[in-house]
Amino acid sequence: MKIILFQINSPSIGLLNVGVEDNKGREEIKLASDKLKEFSRNININYQGYVEGNDISVGKTNVVVTDGFTGNTALKTCLLYTSDA
């Protein structure tokens, strides 16, 4: 989708976590990171590693991958600060 909408050939991908260090985060996040690293080697995606919440607003990566609950919380927080309501 990022390739089509924004014409980015190799969009950078980050995984939302509580820190950028490899030892931080829940086990599910660590497993997801391992899978994304594997995909990065095998199918040439541009996985950059962990990103923190503040990295979303500064555009550290083009795409942020997260679980549903955390992603929904992050999205609602962004909407809180950007809406006119």
C-alpha atoms as a PDB file:
ATOM      1  CA  MET A   1       0.000   0.000   0.000  1.00  0.00           C
ATOM      2  CA  LYS A   2       2.797   2.455   0.881  1.00  0.00           C
ATOM      3  CA  ILE A   3       4.430   1.657  -2.458  1.00  0.00           C
ATOM      4  CA  ILE A   4       1.241   2.512  -4.343  1.00  0.00           C
ATOM      5  CA  LEU A   5       0.125   5.600  -2.406  1.00  0.00           C
ATOM      6  CA  PHE A   6       3.455   7.295  -1.785  1.00  0.00           C
ATOM      7  CA  GLN A   7       5.608   5.703  -4.499  1.00  0.00           C
ATOM      8  CA  ILE A   8       8.181   4.382  -2.011  1.00  0.00           C
ATOM      9  CA  ASN A   9       9.943   1.353  -3.482  1.00  0.00           C
ATOM     10  CA  SER A  10      11.209  -0.085  -0.201  1.00  0.00           C
ATOM     11  CA  PRO A  11       9.221   1.381   2.702  1.00  0.00           C
ATOM     12  CA  SER A  12      10.964   1.155   6.067  1.00  0.00           C
ATOM     13  CA  ILE A  13       9.150  -0.971   8.638  1.00  0.00           C
ATOM     14  CA  GLY A  14       9.354  -0.674  12.425  1.00  0.00           C
ATOM     15  CA  LEU A  15       7.835  -2.754  15.208  1.00  0.00           C
ATOM     16  CA  LEU A  16       6.254  -0.738  18.030  1.00  0.00           C
ATOM     17  CA  ASN A  17       7.797  -1.648  21.391  1.00  0.00           C
ATOM     18  CA  VAL A  18       8.522  -0.174  24.834  1.00  0.00           C
ATOM     19  CA  GLY A  19      12.132   0.447  23.846  1.00  0.00           C
ATOM     20  CA  VAL A  20      14.535  -0.048  20.966  1.00  0.00           C
ATOM     21  CA  GLU A  21      16.777  -2.500  22.821  1.00  0.00           C
ATOM     22  CA  ASP A  22      16.484  -6.173  21.840  1.00  0.00           C
ATOM     23  CA  ASN A  23      15.922  -7.305  25.437  1.00  0.00           C
ATOM     24  CA  LYS A  24      12.831  -5.108  25.982  1.00  0.00           C
ATOM     25  CA  GLY A  25       9.217  -6.006  25.317  1.00  0.00           C
ATOM     26  CA  ARG A  26       6.829  -8.913  25.655  1.00  0.00           C
ATOM     27  CA  GLU A  27       7.746 -12.309  24.280  1.00  0.00           C
ATOM     28  CA  GLU A  28       5.192 -11.940  21.469  1.00  0.00           C
ATOM     29  CA  ILE A  29       6.905  -8.739  20.316  1.00  0.00           C
ATOM     30  CA  LYS A  30      10.324 -10.410  20.376  1.00  0.00           C
ATOM     31  CA  LEU A  31       8.960 -13.308  18.293  1.00  0.00           C
ATOM     32  CA  ALA A  32       7.392 -10.876  15.825  1.00  0.00           C
ATOM     33  CA  SER A  33      10.735  -9.065  15.533  1.00  0.00           C
ATOM     34  CA  ASP A  34      12.495 -12.357  14.830  1.00  0.00           C
ATOM     35  CA  LYS A  35       9.955 -13.116  12.077  1.00  0.00           C
ATOM     36  CA  LEU A  36      10.342  -9.657  10.540  1.00  0.00           C
ATOM     37  CA  LYS A  37      14.136 -10.056  10.592  1.00  0.00           C
ATOM     38  CA  GLU A  38      13.732 -13.414   8.845  1.00  0.00           C
ATOM     39  CA  PHE A  39      11.392 -11.888   6.244  1.00  0.00           C
ATOM     40  CA  SER A  40      13.888  -9.070   5.783  1.00  0.00           C
ATOM     41  CA  ARG A  41      16.574 -11.586   4.851  1.00  0.00           C
ATOM     42  CA  ASN A  42      14.374 -13.853   2.721  1.00  0.00           C
ATOM     43  CA  ILE A  43      11.914 -11.614   0.894  1.00  0.00           C
ATOM     44  CA  ASN A  44      13.751  -8.301   1.005  1.00  0.00           C
ATOM     45  CA  ILE A  45      11.549  -6.153   3.230  1.00  0.00           C
ATOM     46  CA  ASN A  46      13.135  -3.105   4.842  1.00  0.00           C
ATOM     47  CA  TYR A  47      12.750  -3.993   8.545  1.00  0.00           C
ATOM     48  CA  GLN A  48      14.461  -1.381  10.731  1.00  0.00           C
ATOM     49  CA  GLY A  49      13.786  -2.955  14.146  1.00  0.00           C
ATOM     50  CA  TYR A  50      11.933  -1.622  17.157  1.00  0.00           C
ATOM     51  CA  VAL A  51      10.404   1.840  17.317  1.00  0.00           C
ATOM     52  CA  GLU A  52       8.926   3.623  20.315  1.00  0.00           C
ATOM     53  CA  GLY A  53       5.706   5.626  20.484  1.00  0.00           C
ATOM     54  CA  ASN A  54       7.447   8.960  19.987  1.00  0.00           C
ATOM     55  CA  ASP A  55       9.038   7.627  16.787  1.00  0.00           C
ATOM     56  CA  ILE A  56       5.612   7.445  15.128  1.00  0.00           C
ATOM     57  CA  SER A  57       5.101  11.216  15.012  1.00  0.00           C
ATOM     58  CA  VAL A  58       8.610  11.953  13.747  1.00  0.00           C
ATOM     59  CA  GLY A  59       8.378   9.399  10.943  1.00  0.00           C
ATOM     60  CA  LYS A  60      11.315   7.212  11.932  1.00  0.00           C
ATOM     61  CA  THR A  61       9.859   4.507   9.681  1.00  0.00           C
ATOM     62  CA  ASN A  62       7.288   4.590   6.892  1.00  0.00           C
ATOM     63  CA  VAL A  63       5.240   1.739   8.399  1.00  0.00           C
ATOM     64  CA  VAL A  64       4.692   0.809  12.061  1.00  0.00           C
ATOM     65  CA  VAL A  65       3.628  -2.760  12.864  1.00  0.00           C
ATOM     66  CA  THR A  66       1.849  -3.383  16.168  1.00  0.00           C
ATOM     67  CA  ASP A  67      -0.722  -5.575  17.850  1.00  0.00           C
ATOM     68  CA  GLY A  68      -4.362  -4.496  17.750  1.00  0.00           C
ATOM     69  CA  PHE A  69      -4.701  -3.161  21.300  1.00  0.00           C
ATOM     70  CA  THR A  70      -1.460  -1.153  21.266  1.00  0.00           C
ATOM     71  CA  GLY A  71      -2.096   0.127  17.757  1.00  0.00           C
ATOM     72  CA  ASN A  72      -5.611   1.228  18.655  1.00  0.00           C
ATOM     73  CA  THR A  73      -4.294   3.036  21.743  1.00  0.00           C
ATOM     74  CA  ALA A  74      -1.575   4.768  19.715  1.00  0.00           C
ATOM     75  CA  LEU A  75      -4.058   5.771  17.015  1.00  0.00           C
ATOM     76  CA  LYS A  76      -6.575   7.163  19.534  1.00  0.00           C
ATOM     77  CA  THR A  77      -3.796   9.122  21.237  1.00  0.00           C
ATOM     78  CA  CYS A  78      -2.710  10.640  17.915  1.00  0.00           C
ATOM     79  CA  LEU A  79      -6.318  11.534  17.107  1.00  0.00           C
ATOM     80  CA  LEU A  80      -6.713  13.180  20.510  1.00  0.00           C
ATOM     81  CA  TYR A  81      -3.912  15.613  19.733  1.00  0.00           C
ATOM     82  CA  THR A  82      -4.769  16.224  16.088  1.00  0.00           C
ATOM     83  CA  SER A  83      -8.538  16.569  16.077  1.00  0.00           C
ATOM     84  CA  ASP A  84     -10.420  19.862  16.318  1.00  0.00           C
ATOM     85  CA  ALA A  85     -13.042  18.446  18.680  1.00  0.00           C
END
